[in-house]
PDB file of all heavy atoms in Angstrom:
ATOM      1  N   THR A   1       0.832  -1.206   0.000  1.00  0.00           N
ATOM      2  CA  THR A   1       0.000   0.000   0.000  1.00  0.00           C
ATOM      3  C   THR A   1       0.865   1.254   0.000  1.00  0.00           C
ATOM      4  O   THR A   1       0.650   2.190  -0.780  1.00  0.00           O
ATOM      5  CB  THR A   1      -0.932   0.003   1.229  1.00  0.00           C
ATOM      6  OG1 THR A   1      -1.808  -1.125   1.160  1.00  0.00           O
ATOM      7  CG2 THR A   1      -1.766   1.277   1.272  1.00  0.00           C
ATOM      8  N   VAL A   2       1.855   1.301   0.876  1.00  0.00           N
ATOM      9  CA  VAL A   2       2.731   2.465   0.987  1.00  0.00           C
ATOM     10  C   VAL A   2       3.535   2.664  -0.297  1.00  0.00           C
ATOM     11  O   VAL A   2       3.627   3.781  -0.837  1.00  0.00           O
ATOM     12  CB  VAL A   2       3.666   2.313   2.205  1.00  0.00           C
ATOM     13  CG1 VAL A   2       4.786   3.349   2.171  1.00  0.00           C
ATOM     14  CG2 VAL A   2       2.872   2.430   3.499  1.00  0.00           C
ATOM     15  N   LEU A   3       4.105   1.586  -0.805  1.00  0.00           N
ATOM     16  CA  LEU A   3       4.923   1.699  -2.016  1.00  0.00           C
ATOM     17  C   LEU A   3       4.071   1.981  -3.253  1.00  0.00           C
ATOM     18  O   LEU A   3       4.488   2.735  -4.141  1.00  0.00           O
ATOM     19  CB  LEU A   3       5.729   0.419  -2.212  1.00  0.00           C
ATOM     20  CG  LEU A   3       6.846   0.196  -1.188  1.00  0.00           C
ATOM     21  CD1 LEU A   3       7.423  -1.208  -1.317  1.00  0.00           C
ATOM     22  CD2 LEU A   3       7.951   1.228  -1.352  1.00  0.00           C
ATOM     23  N   GLY A   4       2.881   1.387  -3.311  1.00  0.00           N
ATOM     24  CA  GLY A   4       1.997   1.648  -4.438  1.00  0.00           C
ATOM     25  C   GLY A   4       1.560   3.102  -4.486  1.00  0.00           C
ATOM     26  O   GLY A   4       1.508   3.715  -5.563  1.00  0.00           O
ATOM     27  N   ARG A   5       1.262   3.656  -3.318  1.00  0.00           N
ATOM     28  CA  ARG A   5       0.875   5.070  -3.253  1.00  0.00           C
ATOM     29  C   ARG A   5       2.023   5.962  -3.718  1.00  0.00           C
ATOM     30  O   ARG A   5       1.819   6.903  -4.493  1.00  0.00           O
ATOM     31  CB  ARG A   5       0.456   5.405  -1.829  1.00  0.00           C
ATOM     32  CG  ARG A   5      -0.037   6.836  -1.635  1.00  0.00           C
ATOM     33  CD  ARG A   5      -0.742   6.985  -0.297  1.00  0.00           C
ATOM     34  NE  ARG A   5       0.110   6.621   0.816  1.00  0.00           N
ATOM     35  CZ  ARG A   5      -0.198   5.691   1.725  1.00  0.00           C
ATOM     36  NH1 ARG A   5      -1.329   5.017   1.635  1.00  0.00           N
ATOM     37  NH2 ARG A   5       0.625   5.441   2.733  1.00  0.00           N
ATOM     38  N   ARG A   6       3.240   5.687  -3.253  1.00  0.00           N
ATOM     39  CA  ARG A   6       4.390   6.490  -3.668  1.00  0.00           C
ATOM     40  C   ARG A   6       4.635   6.344  -5.175  1.00  0.00           C
ATOM     41  O   ARG A   6       4.938   7.334  -5.856  1.00  0.00           O
ATOM     42  CB  ARG A   6       5.631   6.073  -2.885  1.00  0.00           C
ATOM     43  CG  ARG A   6       6.931   6.762  -3.312  1.00  0.00           C
ATOM     44  CD  ARG A   6       6.907   8.277  -3.126  1.00  0.00           C
ATOM     45  NE  ARG A   6       6.758   8.646  -1.739  1.00  0.00           N
ATOM     46  CZ  ARG A   6       7.774   8.772  -0.877  1.00  0.00           C
ATOM     47  NH1 ARG A   6       9.024   8.575  -1.294  1.00  0.00           N
ATOM     48  NH2 ARG A   6       7.549   9.138   0.367  1.00  0.00           N
ATOM     49  N   ALA A   7       4.528   5.134  -5.691  1.00  0.00           N
ATOM     50  CA  ALA A   7       4.765   4.912  -7.125  1.00  0.00           C
ATOM     51  C   ALA A   7       3.796   5.728  -7.975  1.00  0.00           C
ATOM     52  O   ALA A   7       4.189   6.353  -8.969  1.00  0.00           O
ATOM     53  CB  ALA A   7       4.632   3.421  -7.444  1.00  0.00           C
ATOM     54  N   GLU A   8       2.537   5.752  -7.589  1.00  0.00           N
ATOM     55  CA  GLU A   8       1.553   6.506  -8.358  1.00  0.00           C
ATOM     56  C   GLU A   8       1.815   8.006  -8.272  1.00  0.00           C
ATOM     57  O   GLU A   8       1.652   8.739  -9.259  1.00  0.00           O
ATOM     58  CB  GLU A   8       0.145   6.163  -7.867  1.00  0.00           C
ATOM     59  CG  GLU A   8      -0.265   4.737  -8.228  1.00  0.00           C
ATOM     60  CD  GLU A   8      -1.623   4.347  -7.677  1.00  0.00           C
ATOM     61  OE1 GLU A   8      -2.171   5.110  -6.846  1.00  0.00           O
ATOM     62  OE2 GLU A   8      -2.150   3.297  -8.090  1.00  0.00           O
ATOM     63  N   ILE A   9       2.253   8.504  -7.112  1.00  0.00           N
ATOM     64  CA  ILE A   9       2.600   9.916  -6.966  1.00  0.00           C
ATOM     65  C   ILE A   9       3.741  10.289  -7.910  1.00  0.00           C
ATOM     66  O   ILE A   9       3.762  11.371  -8.500  1.00  0.00           O
ATOM     67  CB  ILE A   9       2.984  10.229  -5.503  1.00  0.00           C
ATOM     68  CG1 ILE A   9       1.741  10.163  -4.603  1.00  0.00           C
ATOM     69  CG2 ILE A   9       3.642  11.597  -5.393  1.00  0.00           C
ATOM     70  CD1 ILE A   9       2.053  10.249  -3.130  1.00  0.00           C
ATOM     71  N   LEU A  10       4.679   9.351  -8.083  1.00  0.00           N
ATOM     72  CA  LEU A  10       5.840   9.590  -8.941  1.00  0.00           C
ATOM     73  C   LEU A  10       5.548   9.364 -10.416  1.00  0.00           C
ATOM     74  O   LEU A  10       6.429   9.553 -11.262  1.00  0.00           O
ATOM     75  CB  LEU A  10       7.004   8.695  -8.495  1.00  0.00           C
ATOM     76  CG  LEU A  10       7.630   9.042  -7.149  1.00  0.00           C
ATOM     77  CD1 LEU A  10       8.605   7.958  -6.704  1.00  0.00           C
ATOM     78  CD2 LEU A  10       8.334  10.394  -7.202  1.00  0.00           C
ATOM     79  N   GLY A  11       4.328   8.941 -10.739  1.00  0.00           N
ATOM     80  CA  GLY A  11       3.938   8.793 -12.138  1.00  0.00           C
ATOM     81  C   GLY A  11       4.093   7.407 -12.727  1.00  0.00           C
ATOM     82  O   GLY A  11       3.992   7.235 -13.950  1.00  0.00           O
ATOM     83  N   VAL A  12       4.300   6.404 -11.882  1.00  0.00           N
ATOM     84  CA  VAL A  12       4.397   5.030 -12.373  1.00  0.00           C
ATOM     85  C   VAL A  12       3.016   4.552 -12.811  1.00  0.00           C
ATOM     86  O   VAL A  12       2.012   4.763 -12.119  1.00  0.00           O
ATOM     87  CB  VAL A  12       4.948   4.099 -11.278  1.00  0.00           C
ATOM     88  CG1 VAL A  12       4.915   2.639 -11.730  1.00  0.00           C
ATOM     89  CG2 VAL A  12       6.360   4.518 -10.895  1.00  0.00           C
ATOM     90  N   GLU A  13       2.955   3.895 -13.945  1.00  0.00           N
ATOM     91  CA  GLU A  13       1.704   3.321 -14.444  1.00  0.00           C
ATOM     92  C   GLU A  13       1.626   1.861 -14.006  1.00  0.00           C
ATOM     93  O   GLU A  13       2.546   1.077 -14.271  1.00  0.00           O
ATOM     94  CB  GLU A  13       1.651   3.426 -15.970  1.00  0.00           C
ATOM     95  CG  GLU A  13       0.318   3.001 -16.571  1.00  0.00           C
ATOM     96  CD  GLU A  13       0.267   3.198 -18.072  1.00  0.00           C
ATOM     97  OE1 GLU A  13       1.191   3.844 -18.631  1.00  0.00           O
ATOM     98  OE2 GLU A  13      -0.694   2.701 -18.703  1.00  0.00           O
ATOM     99  N   ILE A  14       0.558   1.489 -13.324  1.00  0.00           N
ATOM    100  CA  ILE A  14       0.378   0.130 -12.822  1.00  0.00           C
ATOM    101  C   ILE A  14      -0.854  -0.480 -13.467  1.00  0.00           C
ATOM    102  O   ILE A  14      -1.955   0.062 -13.358  1.00  0.00           O
ATOM    103  CB  ILE A  14       0.230   0.107 -11.288  1.00  0.00           C
ATOM    104  CG1 ILE A  14       1.425   0.780 -10.616  1.00  0.00           C
ATOM    105  CG2 ILE A  14       0.076  -1.331 -10.783  1.00  0.00           C
ATOM    106  CD1 ILE A  14       1.289   0.919  -9.109  1.00  0.00           C
ATOM    107  N   LYS A  15      -0.674  -1.596 -14.155  1.00  0.00           N
ATOM    108  CA  LYS A  15      -1.779  -2.314 -14.782  1.00  0.00           C
ATOM    109  C   LYS A  15      -1.926  -3.674 -14.094  1.00  0.00           C
ATOM    110  O   LYS A  15      -1.000  -4.491 -14.136  1.00  0.00           O
ATOM    111  CB  LYS A  15      -1.541  -2.498 -16.280  1.00  0.00           C
ATOM    112  CG  LYS A  15      -1.581  -1.194 -17.072  1.00  0.00           C
ATOM    113  CD  LYS A  15      -1.459  -1.460 -18.559  1.00  0.00           C
ATOM    114  CE  LYS A  15      -1.524  -0.161 -19.354  1.00  0.00           C
ATOM    115  NZ  LYS A  15      -2.864   0.457 -19.276  1.00  0.00           N
ATOM    116  N   ARG A  16      -3.065  -3.893 -13.469  1.00  0.00           N
ATOM    117  CA  ARG A  16      -3.331  -5.151 -12.777  1.00  0.00           C
ATOM    118  C   ARG A  16      -4.213  -6.041 -13.640  1.00  0.00           C
ATOM    119  O   ARG A  16      -5.039  -5.560 -14.411  1.00  0.00           O
ATOM    120  CB  ARG A  16      -3.978  -4.884 -11.415  1.00  0.00           C
ATOM    121  CG  ARG A  16      -3.083  -4.039 -10.497  1.00  0.00           C
ATOM    122  CD  ARG A  16      -3.661  -3.882  -9.108  1.00  0.00           C
ATOM    123  NE  ARG A  16      -2.831  -3.012  -8.288  1.00  0.00           N
ATOM    124  CZ  ARG A  16      -1.775  -3.412  -7.604  1.00  0.00           C
ATOM    125  NH1 ARG A  16      -1.430  -4.697  -7.635  1.00  0.00           N
ATOM    126  NH2 ARG A  16      -1.068  -2.553  -6.880  1.00  0.00           N
ATOM    127  N   GLY A  17      -4.038  -7.361 -13.481  1.00  0.00           N
ATOM    128  CA  GLY A  17      -4.747  -8.311 -14.313  1.00  0.00           C
ATOM    129  C   GLY A  17      -4.105  -8.472 -15.680  1.00  0.00           C
ATOM    130  O   GLY A  17      -4.776  -8.808 -16.653  1.00  0.00           O
ATOM    131  N   PHE A  18      -2.790  -8.255 -15.748  1.00  0.00           N
ATOM    132  CA  PHE A  18      -2.040  -8.362 -17.003  1.00  0.00           C
ATOM    133  C   PHE A  18      -0.887  -9.350 -16.823  1.00  0.00           C
ATOM    134  O   PHE A  18       0.258  -8.948 -16.635  1.00  0.00           O
ATOM    135  CB  PHE A  18      -1.504  -6.998 -17.429  1.00  0.00           C
ATOM    136  CG  PHE A  18      -2.518  -6.088 -18.047  1.00  0.00           C
ATOM    137  CD1 PHE A  18      -3.443  -5.416 -17.248  1.00  0.00           C
ATOM    138  CD2 PHE A  18      -2.576  -5.900 -19.417  1.00  0.00           C
ATOM    139  CE1 PHE A  18      -4.383  -4.574 -17.796  1.00  0.00           C
ATOM    140  CE2 PHE A  18      -3.518  -5.061 -19.987  1.00  0.00           C
ATOM    141  CZ  PHE A  18      -4.437  -4.396 -19.173  1.00  0.00           C
ATOM    142  N   PRO A  19      -1.160 -10.647 -16.873  1.00  0.00           N
ATOM    143  CA  PRO A  19      -0.076 -11.627 -16.739  1.00  0.00           C
ATOM    144  C   PRO A  19       0.803 -11.675 -17.985  1.00  0.00           C
ATOM    145  O   PRO A  19       0.308 -11.756 -19.109  1.00  0.00           O
ATOM    146  CB  PRO A  19      -0.814 -12.951 -16.542  1.00  0.00           C
ATOM    147  CG  PRO A  19      -2.132 -12.751 -17.229  1.00  0.00           C
ATOM    148  CD  PRO A  19      -2.480 -11.298 -17.034  1.00  0.00           C
ATOM    149  N   LEU A  20       2.098 -11.611 -17.778  1.00  0.00           N
ATOM    150  CA  LEU A  20       3.029 -11.710 -18.893  1.00  0.00           C
ATOM    151  C   LEU A  20       3.020 -13.141 -19.429  1.00  0.00           C
ATOM    152  O   LEU A  20       3.094 -14.094 -18.662  1.00  0.00           O
ATOM    153  CB  LEU A  20       4.424 -11.312 -18.417  1.00  0.00           C
ATOM    154  CG  LEU A  20       5.539 -11.209 -19.445  1.00  0.00           C
ATOM    155  CD1 LEU A  20       6.550 -10.146 -19.017  1.00  0.00           C
ATOM    156  CD2 LEU A  20       6.266 -12.538 -19.612  1.00  0.00           C
ATOM    157  N   THR A  21       2.943 -13.280 -20.747  1.00  0.00           N
ATOM    158  CA  THR A  21       2.904 -14.615 -21.357  1.00  0.00           C
ATOM    159  C   THR A  21       4.139 -14.915 -22.194  1.00  0.00           C
ATOM    160  O   THR A  21       4.594 -16.054 -22.247  1.00  0.00           O
ATOM    161  CB  THR A  21       1.646 -14.765 -22.233  1.00  0.00           C
ATOM    162  OG1 THR A  21       1.636 -13.732 -23.241  1.00  0.00           O
ATOM    163  CG2 THR A  21       0.379 -14.663 -21.386  1.00  0.00           C
ATOM    164  N   SER A  22       4.683 -13.903 -22.847  1.00  0.00           N
ATOM    165  CA  SER A  22       5.875 -14.112 -23.676  1.00  0.00           C
ATOM    166  C   SER A  22       6.550 -12.772 -23.900  1.00  0.00           C
ATOM    167  O   SER A  22       6.013 -11.714 -23.532  1.00  0.00           O
ATOM    168  CB  SER A  22       5.509 -14.752 -25.019  1.00  0.00           C
ATOM    169  OG  SER A  22       4.640 -13.904 -25.764  1.00  0.00           O
ATOM    170  N   LEU A  23       7.727 -12.810 -24.506  1.00  0.00           N
ATOM    171  CA  LEU A  23       8.451 -11.574 -24.786  1.00  0.00           C
ATOM    172  C   LEU A  23       9.358 -11.760 -25.987  1.00  0.00           C
ATOM    173  O   LEU A  23       9.725 -12.878 -26.353  1.00  0.00           O
ATOM    174  CB  LEU A  23       9.256 -11.135 -23.555  1.00  0.00           C
ATOM    175  CG  LEU A  23      10.324 -12.103 -23.008  1.00  0.00           C
ATOM    176  CD1 LEU A  23      11.674 -11.897 -23.709  1.00  0.00           C
ATOM    177  CD2 LEU A  23      10.494 -11.902 -21.513  1.00  0.00           C
ATOM    178  N   ASP A  24       9.710 -10.647 -26.592  1.00  0.00           N
ATOM    179  CA  ASP A  24      10.670 -10.609 -27.691  1.00  0.00           C
ATOM    180  C   ASP A  24      11.725  -9.566 -27.339  1.00  0.00           C
ATOM    181  O   ASP A  24      11.393  -8.418 -27.027  1.00  0.00           O
ATOM    182  CB  ASP A  24       9.992 -10.230 -29.010  1.00  0.00           C
ATOM    183  CG  ASP A  24       8.930 -11.245 -29.419  1.00  0.00           C
ATOM    184  OD1 ASP A  24       9.260 -12.438 -29.541  1.00  0.00           O
ATOM    185  OD2 ASP A  24       7.765 -10.833 -29.588  1.00  0.00           O
ATOM    186  N   GLN A  25      12.982  -9.953 -27.406  1.00  0.00           N
ATOM    187  CA  GLN A  25      14.069  -9.039 -27.080  1.00  0.00           C
ATOM    188  C   GLN A  25      14.845  -8.675 -28.336  1.00  0.00           C
ATOM    189  O   GLN A  25      15.160  -9.534 -29.157  1.00  0.00           O
ATOM    190  CB  GLN A  25      15.020  -9.652 -26.044  1.00  0.00           C
ATOM    191  CG  GLN A  25      16.156  -8.726 -25.675  1.00  0.00           C
ATOM    192  CD  GLN A  25      17.050  -9.261 -24.564  1.00  0.00           C
ATOM    193  OE1 GLN A  25      17.886  -8.536 -24.046  1.00  0.00           O
ATOM    194  NE2 GLN A  25      16.901 -10.514 -24.189  1.00  0.00           N
ATOM    195  N   THR A  26      15.152  -7.385 -28.477  1.00  0.00           N
ATOM    196  CA  THR A  26      15.988  -6.905 -29.569  1.00  0.00           C
ATOM    197  C   THR A  26      17.157  -6.140 -28.969  1.00  0.00           C
ATOM    198  O   THR A  26      17.263  -5.994 -27.757  1.00  0.00           O
ATOM    199  CB  THR A  26      15.181  -5.965 -30.490  1.00  0.00           C
ATOM    200  OG1 THR A  26      14.872  -4.759 -29.774  1.00  0.00           O
ATOM    201  CG2 THR A  26      13.884  -6.622 -30.945  1.00  0.00           C
ATOM    202  N   GLU A  27      18.027  -5.616 -29.813  1.00  0.00           N
ATOM    203  CA  GLU A  27      19.147  -4.821 -29.316  1.00  0.00           C
ATOM    204  C   GLU A  27      18.669  -3.507 -28.721  1.00  0.00           C
ATOM    205  O   GLU A  27      19.330  -2.926 -27.868  1.00  0.00           O
ATOM    206  CB  GLU A  27      20.141  -4.544 -30.446  1.00  0.00           C
ATOM    207  CG  GLU A  27      20.892  -5.788 -30.911  1.00  0.00           C
ATOM    208  CD  GLU A  27      21.949  -5.451 -31.952  1.00  0.00           C
ATOM    209  OE1 GLU A  27      22.098  -4.241 -32.264  1.00  0.00           O
ATOM    210  OE2 GLU A  27      22.627  -6.368 -32.438  1.00  0.00           O
ATOM    211  N   GLU A  28      17.508  -3.030 -29.164  1.00  0.00           N
ATOM    212  CA  GLU A  28      17.001  -1.734 -28.716  1.00  0.00           C
ATOM    213  C   GLU A  28      16.053  -1.827 -27.529  1.00  0.00           C
ATOM    214  O   GLU A  28      15.805  -0.827 -26.850  1.00  0.00           O
ATOM    215  CB  GLU A  28      16.276  -1.010 -29.860  1.00  0.00           C
ATOM    216  CG  GLU A  28      17.182  -0.541 -30.987  1.00  0.00           C
ATOM    217  CD  GLU A  28      17.635  -1.694 -31.882  1.00  0.00           C
ATOM    218  OE1 GLU A  28      16.847  -2.664 -32.021  1.00  0.00           O
ATOM    219  OE2 GLU A  28      18.755  -1.621 -32.423  1.00  0.00           O
ATOM    220  N   GLY A  29      15.481  -3.006 -27.274  1.00  0.00           N
ATOM    221  CA  GLY A  29      14.505  -3.080 -26.204  1.00  0.00           C
ATOM    222  C   GLY A  29      13.833  -4.428 -26.107  1.00  0.00           C
ATOM    223  O   GLY A  29      14.297  -5.430 -26.662  1.00  0.00           O
ATOM    224  N   VAL A  30      12.700  -4.435 -25.399  1.00  0.00           N
ATOM    225  CA  VAL A  30      11.950  -5.667 -25.153  1.00  0.00           C
ATOM    226  C   VAL A  30      10.478  -5.399 -25.413  1.00  0.00           C
ATOM    227  O   VAL A  30       9.936  -4.377 -24.970  1.00  0.00           O
ATOM    228  CB  VAL A  30      12.126  -6.140 -23.696  1.00  0.00           C
ATOM    229  CG1 VAL A  30      11.393  -7.460 -23.474  1.00  0.00           C
ATOM    230  CG2 VAL A  30      13.605  -6.290 -23.352  1.00  0.00           C
ATOM    231  N   ILE A  31       9.837  -6.307 -26.131  1.00  0.00           N
ATOM    232  CA  ILE A  31       8.391  -6.253 -26.332  1.00  0.00           C
ATOM    233  C   ILE A  31       7.776  -7.347 -25.464  1.00  0.00           C
ATOM    234  O   ILE A  31       8.126  -8.526 -25.572  1.00  0.00           O
ATOM    235  CB  ILE A  31       8.007  -6.466 -27.809  1.00  0.00           C
ATOM    236  CG1 ILE A  31       8.656  -5.400 -28.683  1.00  0.00           C
ATOM    237  CG2 ILE A  31       6.486  -6.431 -27.964  1.00  0.00           C
ATOM    238  CD1 ILE A  31       8.466  -5.636 -30.171  1.00  0.00           C
ATOM    239  N   VAL A  32       6.876  -6.936 -24.592  1.00  0.00           N
ATOM    240  CA  VAL A  32       6.258  -7.841 -23.632  1.00  0.00           C
ATOM    241  C   VAL A  32       4.818  -8.105 -24.062  1.00  0.00           C
ATOM    242  O   VAL A  32       4.070  -7.170 -24.346  1.00  0.00           O
ATOM    243  CB  VAL A  32       6.287  -7.221 -22.218  1.00  0.00           C
ATOM    244  CG1 VAL A  32       5.478  -8.066 -21.251  1.00  0.00           C
ATOM    245  CG2 VAL A  32       7.723  -7.076 -21.739  1.00  0.00           C
ATOM    246  N   HIS A  33       4.444  -9.377 -24.081  1.00  0.00           N
ATOM    247  CA  HIS A  33       3.095  -9.761 -24.483  1.00  0.00           C
ATOM    248  C   HIS A  33       2.316 -10.287 -23.289  1.00  0.00           C
ATOM    249  O   HIS A  33       2.822 -11.123 -22.521  1.00  0.00           O
ATOM    250  CB  HIS A  33       3.141 -10.832 -25.569  1.00  0.00           C
ATOM    251  CG  HIS A  33       3.998 -10.463 -26.751  1.00  0.00           C
ATOM    252  ND1 HIS A  33       3.690  -9.428 -27.599  1.00  0.00           N
ATOM    253  CD2 HIS A  33       5.169 -10.990 -27.203  1.00  0.00           C
ATOM    254  CE1 HIS A  33       4.613  -9.327 -28.539  1.00  0.00           C
ATOM    255  NE2 HIS A  33       5.531 -10.273 -28.319  1.00  0.00           N
ATOM    256  N   THR A  34       1.108  -9.788 -23.123  1.00  0.00           N
ATOM    257  CA  THR A  34       0.172 -10.361 -22.159  1.00  0.00           C
ATOM    258  C   THR A  34      -0.853 -11.143 -22.961  1.00  0.00           C
ATOM    259  O   THR A  34      -0.633 -11.452 -24.125  1.00  0.00           O
ATOM    260  CB  THR A  34      -0.473  -9.255 -21.301  1.00  0.00           C
ATOM    261  OG1 THR A  34      -1.241  -8.385 -22.136  1.00  0.00           O
ATOM    262  CG2 THR A  34       0.595  -8.449 -20.572  1.00  0.00           C
ATOM    263  N   GLU A  35      -1.991 -11.466 -22.366  1.00  0.00           N
ATOM    264  CA  GLU A  35      -2.958 -12.324 -23.070  1.00  0.00           C
ATOM    265  C   GLU A  35      -3.511 -11.668 -24.330  1.00  0.00           C
ATOM    266  O   GLU A  35      -3.750 -12.340 -25.334  1.00  0.00           O
ATOM    267  CB  GLU A  35      -4.084 -12.697 -22.115  1.00  0.00           C
ATOM    268  CG  GLU A  35      -3.613 -13.617 -20.977  1.00  0.00           C
ATOM    269  CD  GLU A  35      -4.703 -13.893 -19.969  1.00  0.00           C
ATOM    270  OE1 GLU A  35      -5.704 -13.134 -19.950  1.00  0.00           O
ATOM    271  OE2 GLU A  35      -4.564 -14.858 -19.192  1.00  0.00           O
ATOM    272  N   ASP A  36      -3.719 -10.347 -24.306  1.00  0.00           N
ATOM    273  CA  ASP A  36      -4.278  -9.696 -25.491  1.00  0.00           C
ATOM    274  C   ASP A  36      -3.681  -8.320 -25.765  1.00  0.00           C
ATOM    275  O   ASP A  36      -4.217  -7.559 -26.567  1.00  0.00           O
ATOM    276  CB  ASP A  36      -5.802  -9.572 -25.369  1.00  0.00           C
ATOM    277  CG  ASP A  36      -6.212  -8.786 -24.130  1.00  0.00           C
ATOM    278  OD1 ASP A  36      -5.313  -8.369 -23.377  1.00  0.00           O
ATOM    279  OD2 ASP A  36      -7.420  -8.597 -23.916  1.00  0.00           O
ATOM    280  N   ARG A  37      -2.579  -7.994 -25.113  1.00  0.00           N
ATOM    281  CA  ARG A  37      -1.940  -6.702 -25.314  1.00  0.00           C
ATOM    282  C   ARG A  37      -0.439  -6.889 -25.437  1.00  0.00           C
ATOM    283  O   ARG A  37       0.125  -7.900 -24.988  1.00  0.00           O
ATOM    284  CB  ARG A  37      -2.213  -5.752 -24.128  1.00  0.00           C
ATOM    285  CG  ARG A  37      -3.679  -5.432 -23.870  1.00  0.00           C
ATOM    286  CD  ARG A  37      -4.178  -4.238 -24.626  1.00  0.00           C
ATOM    287  NE  ARG A  37      -3.461  -3.006 -24.341  1.00  0.00           N
ATOM    288  CZ  ARG A  37      -3.794  -2.129 -23.398  1.00  0.00           C
ATOM    289  NH1 ARG A  37      -4.806  -2.368 -22.571  1.00  0.00           N
ATOM    290  NH2 ARG A  37      -3.120  -1.000 -23.271  1.00  0.00           N
ATOM    291  N   SER A  38       0.222  -5.885 -26.006  1.00  0.00           N
ATOM    292  CA  SER A  38       1.685  -5.859 -26.082  1.00  0.00           C
ATOM    293  C   SER A  38       2.177  -4.502 -25.622  1.00  0.00           C
ATOM    294  O   SER A  38       1.519  -3.485 -25.849  1.00  0.00           O
ATOM    295  CB  SER A  38       2.166  -6.138 -27.510  1.00  0.00           C
ATOM    296  OG  SER A  38       1.816  -7.439 -27.926  1.00  0.00           O
ATOM    297  N   PHE A  39       3.351  -4.510 -24.973  1.00  0.00           N
ATOM    298  CA  PHE A  39       3.931  -3.286 -24.454  1.00  0.00           C
ATOM    299  C   PHE A  39       5.419  -3.301 -24.763  1.00  0.00           C
ATOM    300  O   PHE A  39       6.068  -4.347 -24.716  1.00  0.00           O
ATOM    301  CB  PHE A  39       3.711  -3.177 -22.947  1.00  0.00           C
ATOM    302  CG  PHE A  39       2.269  -3.257 -22.535  1.00  0.00           C
ATOM    303  CD1 PHE A  39       1.688  -4.482 -22.233  1.00  0.00           C
ATOM    304  CD2 PHE A  39       1.486  -2.103 -22.465  1.00  0.00           C
ATOM    305  CE1 PHE A  39       0.358  -4.565 -21.858  1.00  0.00           C
ATOM    306  CE2 PHE A  39       0.151  -2.184 -22.083  1.00  0.00           C
ATOM    307  CZ  PHE A  39      -0.415  -3.408 -21.782  1.00  0.00           C
ATOM    308  N   GLN A  40       5.960  -2.131 -25.042  1.00  0.00           N
ATOM    309  CA  GLN A  40       7.354  -2.042 -25.441  1.00  0.00           C
ATOM    310  C   GLN A  40       8.134  -1.188 -24.452  1.00  0.00           C
ATOM    311  O   GLN A  40       7.688  -0.113 -24.046  1.00  0.00           O
ATOM    312  CB  GLN A  40       7.475  -1.440 -26.842  1.00  0.00           C
ATOM    313  CG  GLN A  40       8.900  -1.494 -27.403  1.00  0.00           C
ATOM    314  CD  GLN A  40       8.949  -1.122 -28.872  1.00  0.00           C
ATOM    315  OE1 GLN A  40       7.914  -0.881 -29.490  1.00  0.00           O
ATOM    316  NE2 GLN A  40      10.144  -1.072 -29.424  1.00  0.00           N
ATOM    317  N   GLY A  41       9.300  -1.672 -24.083  1.00  0.00           N
ATOM    318  CA  GLY A  41      10.164  -0.928 -23.176  1.00  0.00           C
ATOM    319  C   GLY A  41      11.615  -1.065 -23.588  1.00  0.00           C
ATOM    320  O   GLY A  41      11.992  -2.003 -24.286  1.00  0.00           O
ATOM    321  N   GLN A  42      12.432  -0.122 -23.130  1.00  0.00           N
ATOM    322  CA  GLN A  42      13.864  -0.263 -23.375  1.00  0.00           C
ATOM    323  C   GLN A  42      14.452  -1.400 -22.554  1.00  0.00           C
ATOM    324  O   GLN A  42      15.370  -2.086 -22.994  1.00  0.00           O
ATOM    325  CB  GLN A  42      14.587   1.041 -23.000  1.00  0.00           C
ATOM    326  CG  GLN A  42      14.277   2.231 -23.876  1.00  0.00           C
ATOM    327  CD  GLN A  42      15.168   3.410 -23.526  1.00  0.00           C
ATOM    328  OE1 GLN A  42      16.392   3.291 -23.466  1.00  0.00           O
ATOM    329  NE2 GLN A  42      14.556   4.554 -23.263  1.00  0.00           N
ATOM    330  N   TRP A  43      13.889  -1.589 -21.339  1.00  0.00           N
ATOM    331  CA  TRP A  43      14.367  -2.620 -20.435  1.00  0.00           C
ATOM    332  C   TRP A  43      13.176  -3.315 -19.789  1.00  0.00           C
ATOM    333  O   TRP A  43      12.114  -2.723 -19.627  1.00  0.00           O
ATOM    334  CB  TRP A  43      15.256  -2.017 -19.341  1.00  0.00           C
ATOM    335  CG  TRP A  43      16.512  -1.400 -19.854  1.00  0.00           C
ATOM    336  CD1 TRP A  43      16.659  -0.133 -20.363  1.00  0.00           C
ATOM    337  CD2 TRP A  43      17.797  -2.018 -19.937  1.00  0.00           C
ATOM    338  NE1 TRP A  43      17.946   0.076 -20.758  1.00  0.00           N
ATOM    339  CE2 TRP A  43      18.682  -1.061 -20.493  1.00  0.00           C
ATOM    340  CE3 TRP A  43      18.296  -3.265 -19.581  1.00  0.00           C
ATOM    341  CZ2 TRP A  43      20.024  -1.331 -20.716  1.00  0.00           C
ATOM    342  CZ3 TRP A  43      19.646  -3.530 -19.790  1.00  0.00           C
ATOM    343  CH2 TRP A  43      20.494  -2.576 -20.351  1.00  0.00           C
ATOM    344  N   LEU A  44      13.392  -4.572 -19.395  1.00  0.00           N
ATOM    345  CA  LEU A  44      12.386  -5.345 -18.666  1.00  0.00           C
ATOM    346  C   LEU A  44      13.043  -5.902 -17.410  1.00  0.00           C
ATOM    347  O   LEU A  44      14.144  -6.454 -17.470  1.00  0.00           O
ATOM    348  CB  LEU A  44      11.859  -6.501 -19.520  1.00  0.00           C
ATOM    349  CG  LEU A  44      10.991  -7.556 -18.812  1.00  0.00           C
ATOM    350  CD1 LEU A  44       9.681  -6.956 -18.322  1.00  0.00           C
ATOM    351  CD2 LEU A  44      10.735  -8.755 -19.742  1.00  0.00           C
ATOM    352  N   VAL A  45      12.357  -5.749 -16.263  1.00  0.00           N
ATOM    353  CA  VAL A  45      12.859  -6.322 -15.021  1.00  0.00           C
ATOM    354  C   VAL A  45      11.803  -7.275 -14.470  1.00  0.00           C
ATOM    355  O   VAL A  45      10.655  -6.892 -14.240  1.00  0.00           O
ATOM    356  CB  VAL A  45      13.177  -5.242 -13.965  1.00  0.00           C
ATOM    357  CG1 VAL A  45      13.810  -5.895 -12.739  1.00  0.00           C
ATOM    358  CG2 VAL A  45      14.107  -4.182 -14.539  1.00  0.00           C
TER     359      VAL A  45
END
């Protein structure tokens, strides 16, 4: 609760109900796939 509140204040976007299913990595970044959506980032942790 405490960390989630701070994260939202700092502008972190939190999506719940989005289980990661697969990913594709390139030299420039990572594309993350959930059940029906895809998201792109420079890094994945």
